[in-house]
Amino acid sequence: MNWHAKFLSAFLSLAFGSDVFAHGGRLDGLGCHYNKKKGGYHCHRGVLAGQEFSSKAEVLATNQDGQKQPAMSFRGSARIVDGDTIWIGNTKIRLHGIDAPETRQKCYSKDKTEYSCGKASTDALRVLVGGDPVRCEGDTYDRYRRLIATCYSGSLNLNAELVRQGWALAYRRYSKDYISAEKEAQEAKRGIWAGEFLVPWEWRRN
C-alpha cells in the first residue's frame, strides 16, 4: 500500500470509524446499516452514530413522540390511509402540521345533512395524489412510529393544499405552517367549512 492509500485509509477510519470498512454495506437514511458478518444494525453517522441495535425496527421503536432523526426523503407510489396519513412502501407517514377528519367521523353540510367528512377528506387526498408518485420529507417520528413529513405531488404541497381545500385543519398544537391556508378555506367556506363539524382532536376524545 503506497503512502497515498495509507493516508486515505487512516483519514477515513478517524472520520467515520474503522468499523464502516471492516464489515461493509451502504449506510441508509438513518446513517446505519446491517452488519453482515456479526449481525445486528450498526449506526455510524448522525445522532445515532456509535450505537448498535438488533434491527432497524428497534431504532424506530425508540424514536417516538417527536424524536428527531437525520432528515429523510421517500418517493414512490402512495397508499392513502385517510386524509392525513399515507404509506410509501413500508413507511407509514403522517402529514406534518395538519389534522384531517377521522375515517369514521361525520360532519354536517350547509343544509344540516350528515355526511362522512372523514371519507370526503380521504377522497380529496386521493384525488390530489392521482396516479403520480409522492415525495415526502421529514426528520421526526411520532409515538406510533409514523414519519412526520411534508409531502408533495410534483411541486404541489399536499399538506397545504388539503388545508386550503378545507379537508384538513391547521394542527396548531404542532405547527403554525398552515394557518393562513386554513383562514382562506374558512372564508371561502370550502370543504368542512361549508357546514358544521367537530375539530378532529376533539372528536377523538369522544
Protein backbone atom coordinates (compact mmCIF):
# COMPACT_ATOMS: atom_id res chain seq x y z
CA MET A 1 0.00 0.00 0.00
CA ASN A 2 1.53 3.34 -1.02
CA TRP A 3 1.51 6.36 1.25
CA HIS A 4 -1.49 7.91 -0.53
CA ALA A 5 -3.64 4.86 0.20
CA LYS A 6 -2.37 4.66 3.78
CA PHE A 7 -3.20 8.33 4.38
CA LEU A 8 -6.70 7.95 2.92
CA SER A 9 -7.38 4.81 4.96
CA ALA A 10 -6.21 6.47 8.17
CA PHE A 11 -8.28 9.59 7.50
CA LEU A 12 -11.46 7.65 6.75
CA SER A 13 -11.01 5.48 9.79
CA LEU A 14 -10.66 8.51 12.04
CA ALA A 15 -13.54 10.36 10.41
CA PHE A 16 -16.07 7.56 10.23
CA GLY A 17 -14.74 4.71 12.33
CA SER A 18 -12.84 1.71 11.06
CA ASP A 19 -15.91 -0.47 11.54
CA VAL A 20 -17.53 1.08 8.47
CA PHE A 21 -14.90 -0.54 6.32
CA ALA A 22 -14.48 -3.69 8.38
CA HIS A 23 -17.93 -5.05 7.63
CA GLY A 24 -19.02 -3.09 4.58
CA GLY A 25 -22.56 -2.20 3.47
CA ARG A 26 -24.07 1.09 2.41
CA LEU A 27 -25.48 3.40 5.07
CA ASP A 28 -29.21 4.07 4.91
CA GLY A 29 -31.09 7.31 5.57
CA LEU A 30 -30.54 6.93 9.32
CA GLY A 31 -26.77 6.65 8.87
CA CYS A 32 -26.90 2.94 9.74
CA HIS A 33 -26.66 -0.49 8.10
CA TYR A 34 -26.81 -4.19 8.84
CA ASN A 35 -23.56 -5.89 9.81
CA LYS A 36 -23.46 -8.90 7.50
CA LYS A 37 -20.62 -10.57 9.40
CA LYS A 38 -21.58 -10.03 13.03
CA GLY A 39 -25.30 -9.44 12.67
CA GLY A 40 -27.18 -6.50 14.16
CA TYR A 41 -27.87 -2.98 12.98
CA HIS A 42 -24.99 -0.51 13.40
CA CYS A 43 -25.02 3.28 13.10
CA HIS A 44 -22.05 5.37 12.01
CA ARG A 45 -23.41 8.85 11.27
CA GLY A 46 -25.91 11.36 12.57
CA VAL A 47 -27.46 11.36 16.04
CA LEU A 48 -27.25 7.54 16.27
CA ALA A 49 -23.52 7.32 15.48
CA GLY A 50 -21.72 4.72 17.56
CA GLN A 51 -24.86 2.87 18.63
CA GLU A 52 -25.84 -0.73 17.89
CA PHE A 53 -29.34 -2.22 17.66
CA SER A 54 -30.80 -5.63 16.97
CA SER A 55 -32.70 -4.29 13.95
CA LYS A 56 -33.91 -1.15 12.22
CA ALA A 57 -37.32 -1.73 13.81
CA GLU A 58 -35.72 -1.27 17.22
CA VAL A 59 -34.37 2.14 16.16
CA LEU A 60 -37.81 3.26 15.02
CA ALA A 61 -39.39 1.95 18.22
CA THR A 62 -37.05 4.02 20.37
CA ASN A 63 -37.66 7.18 18.36
CA GLN A 64 -41.21 8.01 19.35
CA ASP A 65 -43.22 11.09 20.18
CA GLY A 66 -41.25 13.80 18.47
CA GLN A 67 -37.77 12.28 18.50
CA LYS A 68 -35.72 13.65 15.61
CA GLN A 69 -33.62 11.68 13.16
CA PRO A 70 -31.46 12.75 10.23
CA ALA A 71 -33.71 14.21 7.52
CA MET A 72 -35.17 11.51 5.30
CA SER A 73 -36.88 11.59 1.93
CA PHE A 74 -39.15 8.91 0.49
CA ARG A 75 -40.55 8.82 -3.03
CA GLY A 76 -42.93 6.35 -4.56
CA SER A 77 -46.49 5.25 -5.06
CA ALA A 78 -48.65 6.33 -2.11
CA ARG A 79 -51.32 4.22 -0.48
CA ILE A 80 -53.88 6.55 1.11
CA VAL A 81 -54.98 5.60 4.62
CA ASP A 82 -57.02 8.70 5.47
CA GLY A 83 -56.90 12.47 4.97
CA ASP A 84 -53.55 12.91 6.71
CA THR A 85 -51.87 9.50 6.59
CA ILE A 86 -50.26 7.52 3.77
CA TRP A 87 -47.89 4.63 3.19
CA ILE A 88 -44.93 4.74 0.81
CA GLY A 89 -43.52 1.25 0.64
CA ASN A 90 -43.07 0.04 4.21
CA THR A 91 -43.01 3.55 5.69
CA LYS A 92 -46.13 4.97 7.30
CA ILE A 93 -46.26 8.75 7.02
CA ARG A 94 -48.34 11.32 8.92
CA LEU A 95 -48.66 14.64 7.11
CA HIS A 96 -46.95 17.34 9.14
CA GLY A 97 -48.87 20.26 10.63
CA ILE A 98 -52.40 19.23 9.65
CA ASP A 99 -55.26 17.23 11.15
CA ALA A 100 -57.99 15.79 8.94
CA PRO A 101 -61.36 14.34 9.97
CA GLU A 102 -61.08 10.74 11.13
CA THR A 103 -62.26 7.92 8.85
CA ARG A 104 -65.47 7.32 10.81
CA GLN A 105 -66.13 10.99 11.56
CA LYS A 106 -69.39 12.60 10.45
CA CYS A 107 -69.98 16.29 9.77
CA TYR A 108 -72.95 18.37 8.67
CA SER A 109 -73.34 20.09 5.32
CA LYS A 110 -74.74 23.57 4.78
CA ASP A 111 -78.31 22.20 4.75
CA LYS A 112 -77.67 20.23 8.01
CA THR A 113 -77.38 16.90 6.21
CA GLU A 114 -74.99 14.47 7.88
CA TYR A 115 -72.18 13.14 5.70
CA SER A 116 -68.90 11.26 6.10
CA CYS A 117 -66.36 14.06 6.19
CA GLY A 118 -63.63 11.53 7.05
CA LYS A 119 -64.25 9.73 3.78
CA ALA A 120 -64.53 13.06 1.92
CA SER A 121 -61.12 14.11 3.27
CA THR A 122 -59.57 10.78 2.29
CA ASP A 123 -61.06 11.08 -1.20
CA ALA A 124 -59.71 14.63 -1.53
CA LEU A 125 -56.17 13.45 -0.79
CA ARG A 126 -56.58 10.56 -3.22
CA VAL A 127 -57.65 12.97 -5.97
CA LEU A 128 -54.70 15.29 -5.27
CA VAL A 129 -52.25 12.41 -5.50
CA GLY A 130 -53.84 10.83 -8.56
CA GLY A 131 -51.52 8.25 -10.04
CA ASP A 132 -48.36 10.29 -9.60
CA PRO A 133 -45.51 9.34 -7.27
CA VAL A 134 -45.39 11.19 -3.96
CA ARG A 135 -42.27 12.61 -2.31
CA CYS A 136 -42.21 13.05 1.48
CA GLU A 137 -39.54 14.73 3.59
CA GLY A 138 -39.28 14.58 7.38
CA ASP A 139 -36.97 14.01 10.34
CA THR A 140 -39.36 13.15 13.19
CA TYR A 141 -41.23 10.02 14.25
CA ASP A 142 -44.28 10.11 16.49
CA ARG A 143 -45.15 7.59 19.20
CA TYR A 144 -46.98 5.46 16.65
CA ARG A 145 -43.76 5.12 14.63
CA ARG A 146 -45.06 7.26 11.78
CA LEU A 147 -42.70 9.60 9.98
CA ILE A 148 -43.97 13.18 10.31
CA ALA A 149 -43.41 14.70 6.90
CA THR A 150 -44.30 17.28 4.31
CA CYS A 151 -45.41 15.51 1.14
CA TYR A 152 -45.53 16.64 -2.46
CA SER A 153 -47.15 15.51 -5.67
CA GLY A 154 -44.92 17.15 -8.24
CA SER A 155 -44.46 20.67 -6.87
CA LEU A 156 -47.81 20.66 -5.02
CA ASN A 157 -47.54 20.68 -1.22
CA LEU A 158 -50.22 18.14 -0.28
CA ASN A 159 -50.33 19.24 3.37
CA ALA A 160 -51.05 22.85 2.46
CA GLU A 161 -53.49 22.02 -0.34
CA LEU A 162 -55.66 19.79 1.86
CA VAL A 163 -56.00 22.64 4.34
CA ARG A 164 -56.61 25.16 1.54
CA GLN A 165 -59.40 23.00 0.14
CA GLY A 166 -61.00 22.74 3.56
CA TRP A 167 -60.48 19.00 4.09
CA ALA A 168 -57.95 19.34 6.89
CA LEU A 169 -57.22 21.85 9.63
CA ALA A 170 -54.00 23.54 10.67
CA TYR A 171 -52.78 21.47 13.63
CA ARG A 172 -51.67 24.42 15.73
CA ARG A 173 -50.54 22.22 18.62
CA TYR A 174 -47.61 21.09 16.48
CA SER A 175 -47.19 23.70 13.76
CA LYS A 176 -48.34 27.12 12.59
CA ASP A 177 -47.34 26.50 8.97
CA TYR A 178 -50.86 26.25 7.56
CA ILE A 179 -52.85 28.83 9.50
CA SER A 180 -53.14 31.19 6.51
CA ALA A 181 -54.34 28.33 4.29
CA GLU A 182 -56.96 27.45 6.89
CA LYS A 183 -58.21 31.04 7.06
CA GLU A 184 -58.53 31.07 3.28
CA ALA A 185 -60.64 27.88 3.34
CA GLN A 186 -62.79 29.15 6.20
CA GLU A 187 -63.53 32.47 4.49
CA ALA A 188 -64.38 30.71 1.22
CA LYS A 189 -66.44 28.05 3.07
CA ARG A 190 -64.63 25.20 1.38
CA GLY A 191 -64.80 21.58 2.44
CA ILE A 192 -65.92 21.06 6.03
CA TRP A 193 -66.11 24.83 6.48
CA ALA A 194 -69.25 24.82 4.31
CA GLY A 195 -71.19 23.34 7.23
CA GLU A 196 -70.66 22.30 10.84
CA PHE A 197 -68.08 19.96 12.30
CA LEU A 198 -66.21 18.98 15.42
CA VAL A 199 -62.45 19.52 15.13
CA PRO A 200 -60.73 16.12 14.77
CA TRP A 201 -58.75 16.34 18.00
CA GLU A 202 -61.98 16.90 19.94
CA TRP A 203 -63.82 14.18 18.02
CA ARG A 204 -61.15 11.67 19.02
CA ARG A 205 -61.83 12.37 22.70
CA ASN A 206 -65.49 11.38 22.39
